[in-house]
Amino acid sequence: MTDQPPLTPAQIATLTSRSRWIGVAFLLGGLAILGGFAVSLVSLSQARDRLQAEVTRLDHEIAARRRDMTQVETLERTVREARSSLDGGETAQASEILGQAAIETPAAAPPSAAPDRGSPGRIYFQIRAEGQVAMYRACSGSLRSMGYDVPPYELLGRGPGRTELRYFRPDDAVGAGSLKTVLEACLGEDVSAVEVPIRGVSPQQFEVWLAE
């Protein structure tokens, strides 16, 4: 085995320079990988936000489509209770049942229709438990006295962590602000006004989702 001649200063400088460039290349490659990972995280977050918005929109559309069925079921239940009371000779009880039904279903227009021009809006209540019916009745009475159209409540069995007033058109933001103040006084708790854009929803249509 022959001894290798020692490297000259010029050769050492060349090798050192090449090592530096290799190091820079590895560093840039690593940064590119990290940058791509960060972009992927941002994209995933944006995709999640879009999906969450779509889920919320569909949730509202489902609730809106259930309203007709809910009103019919409510009236059918009222008729059964009133008929049972009459069959049992409880005329006063039947009168009370029908009177309460008249309060909760005040000759309202179909839910899909726009509120009357003289009404400040239509407000749907979504409650999560029968124990919240009293809150609905107290607020609905006050709101109707102010001219709002308030259809029967819908029992969903679930709700947000904080009571929400939802509106669906940007030009209803001012009306939502005024209604928020009324609801906070009526319910005795903070209410969040939340815009949920859904195409095709009539103007001045609102939903109150009582908190869990």
Protein backbone atom coordinates (compact mmCIF):
# COMPACT_ATOMS: atom_id res chain seq x y z
CA MET A 1 0.00 0.00 0.00
CA THR A 2 1.46 3.33 -1.11
CA ASP A 3 1.24 6.47 0.96
CA GLN A 4 -1.04 9.15 -0.45
CA PRO A 5 0.59 12.52 -0.96
CA PRO A 6 -0.65 15.16 1.43
CA LEU A 7 -3.41 17.45 0.19
CA THR A 8 -2.42 20.81 -0.98
CA PRO A 9 -4.00 23.94 0.50
CA ALA A 10 -5.90 24.44 -2.76
CA GLN A 11 -7.38 20.92 -2.58
CA ILE A 12 -8.33 21.40 1.06
CA ALA A 13 -10.09 24.68 0.19
CA THR A 14 -11.98 22.97 -2.65
CA LEU A 15 -13.19 20.13 -0.39
CA THR A 16 -14.19 22.57 2.32
CA SER A 17 -16.18 24.61 -0.17
CA ARG A 18 -17.92 21.50 -1.49
CA SER A 19 -18.80 20.41 2.06
CA ARG A 20 -20.34 23.81 2.75
CA TRP A 21 -22.45 23.65 -0.39
CA ILE A 22 -23.60 20.11 0.46
CA GLY A 23 -24.56 21.33 3.93
CA VAL A 24 -26.48 24.26 2.48
CA ALA A 25 -28.25 21.92 0.07
CA PHE A 26 -29.33 19.63 2.91
CA LEU A 27 -30.46 22.64 4.95
CA LEU A 28 -32.53 24.03 2.08
CA GLY A 29 -34.02 20.61 1.46
CA GLY A 30 -35.00 20.34 5.09
CA LEU A 31 -36.55 23.80 5.06
CA ALA A 32 -38.49 22.93 1.92
CA ILE A 33 -39.87 19.81 3.62
CA LEU A 34 -40.85 21.80 6.73
CA GLY A 35 -42.39 24.51 4.57
CA GLY A 36 -44.43 21.93 2.68
CA PHE A 37 -45.57 20.42 5.97
CA ALA A 38 -46.65 23.84 7.25
CA VAL A 39 -48.58 24.48 4.03
CA SER A 40 -50.25 21.09 4.42
CA LEU A 41 -51.31 21.96 7.97
CA VAL A 42 -52.78 25.27 6.80
CA SER A 43 -54.62 23.52 3.96
CA LEU A 44 -56.02 20.93 6.36
CA SER A 45 -57.19 23.67 8.72
CA GLN A 46 -58.89 25.55 5.88
CA ALA A 47 -60.51 22.37 4.61
CA ARG A 48 -61.76 21.61 8.12
CA ASP A 49 -63.26 25.11 8.43
CA ARG A 50 -65.02 24.72 5.07
CA LEU A 51 -66.42 21.33 6.05
CA GLN A 52 -67.56 22.67 9.42
CA ALA A 53 -69.36 25.55 7.68
CA GLU A 54 -71.03 23.11 5.29
CA VAL A 55 -72.12 20.86 8.16
CA THR A 56 -73.61 23.86 9.95
CA ARG A 57 -75.44 24.97 6.78
CA LEU A 58 -76.89 21.48 6.25
CA ASP A 59 -77.87 21.29 9.91
CA HIS A 60 -79.91 24.47 9.49
CA GLU A 61 -81.49 23.25 6.27
CA ILE A 62 -82.53 20.01 7.97
CA ALA A 63 -84.03 21.96 10.87
CA ALA A 64 -85.88 24.21 8.44
CA ARG A 65 -87.33 21.23 6.57
CA ARG A 66 -88.48 19.65 9.84
CA ARG A 67 -90.58 22.62 10.85
CA ASP A 68 -93.63 21.73 8.79
CA MET A 69 -93.61 18.21 10.23
CA THR A 70 -93.10 19.53 13.76
CA GLN A 71 -96.09 21.87 13.54
CA VAL A 72 -98.32 19.10 12.22
CA GLU A 73 -97.20 16.73 14.99
CA THR A 74 -97.84 19.42 17.60
CA LEU A 75 -101.36 20.03 16.34
CA GLU A 76 -102.09 16.32 16.12
CA ARG A 77 -100.97 15.86 19.74
CA THR A 78 -103.13 18.80 20.83
CA VAL A 79 -106.17 17.37 19.04
CA ARG A 80 -105.64 13.95 20.67
CA GLU A 81 -105.35 15.50 24.13
CA ALA A 82 -108.41 17.69 23.62
CA ARG A 83 -110.47 14.76 22.27
CA SER A 84 -109.42 12.59 25.22
CA SER A 85 -110.48 15.32 27.65
CA LEU A 86 -113.85 15.74 25.92
CA ASP A 87 -114.44 12.00 25.90
CA GLY A 88 -113.76 11.97 29.63
CA GLY A 89 -116.18 14.83 30.22
CA GLU A 90 -113.35 17.27 31.07
CA THR A 91 -114.68 20.21 29.09
CA ALA A 92 -112.68 22.83 31.00
CA GLN A 93 -109.44 20.92 30.45
CA ALA A 94 -110.15 20.55 26.74
CA SER A 95 -110.81 24.28 26.53
CA GLU A 96 -107.50 25.02 28.27
CA ILE A 97 -105.60 22.70 25.90
CA LEU A 98 -107.12 24.29 22.82
CA GLY A 99 -106.59 27.78 24.24
CA GLN A 100 -102.89 27.09 24.76
CA ALA A 101 -102.66 25.71 21.23
CA ALA A 102 -104.19 28.93 19.90
CA ILE A 103 -101.49 30.93 21.72
CA GLU A 104 -98.66 28.80 20.37
CA THR A 105 -100.01 28.56 16.81
CA PRO A 106 -101.36 32.03 16.01
CA ALA A 107 -102.74 31.69 12.48
CA ALA A 108 -99.19 31.71 11.18
CA ALA A 109 -98.25 31.75 7.56
CA PRO A 110 -96.45 28.65 6.24
CA PRO A 111 -92.90 28.49 7.66
CA SER A 112 -91.35 28.80 4.22
CA ALA A 113 -93.10 32.09 3.54
CA ALA A 114 -91.66 35.50 4.35
CA PRO A 115 -92.96 37.36 7.42
CA ASP A 116 -95.74 39.87 6.96
CA ARG A 117 -94.53 43.30 5.93
CA GLY A 118 -95.75 44.75 9.20
CA SER A 119 -93.84 42.17 11.25
CA PRO A 120 -90.26 42.79 12.39
CA GLY A 121 -89.52 39.14 11.64
CA ARG A 122 -90.22 35.47 12.22
CA ILE A 123 -88.40 33.70 15.05
CA TYR A 124 -88.07 29.94 15.37
CA PHE A 125 -87.12 28.47 18.72
CA GLN A 126 -85.00 25.32 18.90
CA ILE A 127 -85.01 23.78 22.38
CA ARG A 128 -83.13 20.75 23.67
CA ALA A 129 -85.40 19.60 26.53
CA GLU A 130 -89.00 19.83 27.71
CA GLY A 131 -87.73 21.81 30.69
CA GLN A 132 -87.04 24.74 28.36
CA VAL A 133 -90.65 24.99 27.17
CA ALA A 134 -91.38 27.53 29.92
CA MET A 135 -88.57 29.74 28.59
CA TYR A 136 -90.03 29.48 25.10
CA ARG A 137 -93.53 30.40 26.29
CA ALA A 138 -92.33 33.39 28.28
CA CYS A 139 -90.25 34.78 25.43
CA SER A 140 -92.67 33.93 22.64
CA GLY A 141 -95.44 35.81 24.40
CA SER A 142 -93.27 38.90 24.78
CA LEU A 143 -92.06 38.71 21.19
CA ARG A 144 -95.57 38.30 19.79
CA SER A 145 -96.70 41.36 21.74
CA MET A 146 -93.95 43.25 19.88
CA GLY A 147 -95.25 42.05 16.53
CA TYR A 148 -92.87 39.14 15.89
CA ASP A 149 -94.21 35.98 14.31
CA VAL A 150 -93.23 33.05 16.57
CA PRO A 151 -94.21 29.55 15.39
CA PRO A 152 -94.28 26.57 17.79
CA TYR A 153 -90.93 25.48 19.19
CA GLU A 154 -88.96 22.56 17.82
CA LEU A 155 -87.53 20.00 20.26
CA LEU A 156 -84.15 18.84 18.97
CA GLY A 157 -82.65 17.24 22.07
CA ARG A 158 -79.36 19.08 21.60
CA GLY A 159 -78.07 22.62 21.51
CA PRO A 160 -75.00 24.86 21.48
CA GLY A 161 -72.87 25.56 24.52
CA ARG A 162 -74.19 29.12 24.59
CA THR A 163 -77.62 30.39 23.52
CA GLU A 164 -77.44 31.64 19.95
CA LEU A 165 -79.56 33.92 17.81
CA ARG A 166 -78.92 32.85 14.23
CA TYR A 167 -79.67 34.93 11.16
CA PHE A 168 -79.08 34.01 7.55
CA ARG A 169 -78.73 37.20 5.51
CA PRO A 170 -76.16 39.99 5.99
CA ASP A 171 -78.86 42.66 5.75
CA ASP A 172 -80.59 41.15 8.81
CA ALA A 173 -77.62 41.92 11.07
CA VAL A 174 -79.20 45.13 12.41
CA GLY A 175 -82.48 43.36 13.17
CA ALA A 176 -80.56 40.57 14.86
CA GLY A 177 -78.80 43.11 17.07
CA SER A 178 -82.10 44.56 18.26
CA LEU A 179 -83.59 41.12 18.78
CA LYS A 180 -80.52 40.01 20.73
CA THR A 181 -81.17 42.72 23.32
CA VAL A 182 -84.79 41.65 23.69
CA LEU A 183 -83.86 37.98 24.08
CA GLU A 184 -81.20 38.69 26.69
CA ALA A 185 -83.75 40.57 28.77
CA CYS A 186 -86.33 37.83 28.31
CA LEU A 187 -84.05 34.83 28.93
CA GLY A 188 -81.86 36.48 31.55
CA GLU A 189 -78.65 35.28 29.92
CA ASP A 190 -76.15 36.32 27.26
CA VAL A 191 -77.10 35.57 23.67
CA SER A 192 -74.65 35.34 20.77
CA ALA A 193 -75.80 36.69 17.40
CA VAL A 194 -74.37 34.40 14.70
CA GLU A 195 -74.63 34.81 10.93
CA VAL A 196 -75.11 31.52 9.08
CA PRO A 197 -75.38 32.29 5.34
CA ILE A 198 -77.94 30.05 3.64
CA ARG A 199 -79.25 30.84 0.19
CA GLY A 200 -82.98 31.08 -0.30
CA VAL A 201 -83.90 31.99 3.28
CA SER A 202 -86.51 34.72 3.53
CA PRO A 203 -85.55 38.13 4.95
CA GLN A 204 -86.11 38.76 8.66
CA GLN A 205 -86.03 35.09 9.57
CA PHE A 206 -84.24 34.14 12.78
CA GLU A 207 -83.61 31.09 14.93
CA VAL A 208 -83.04 30.97 18.67
CA TRP A 209 -81.04 27.92 19.79
CA LEU A 210 -81.22 27.53 23.56
CA ALA A 211 -77.99 26.41 25.21
CA GLU A 212 -77.43 22.98 26.68
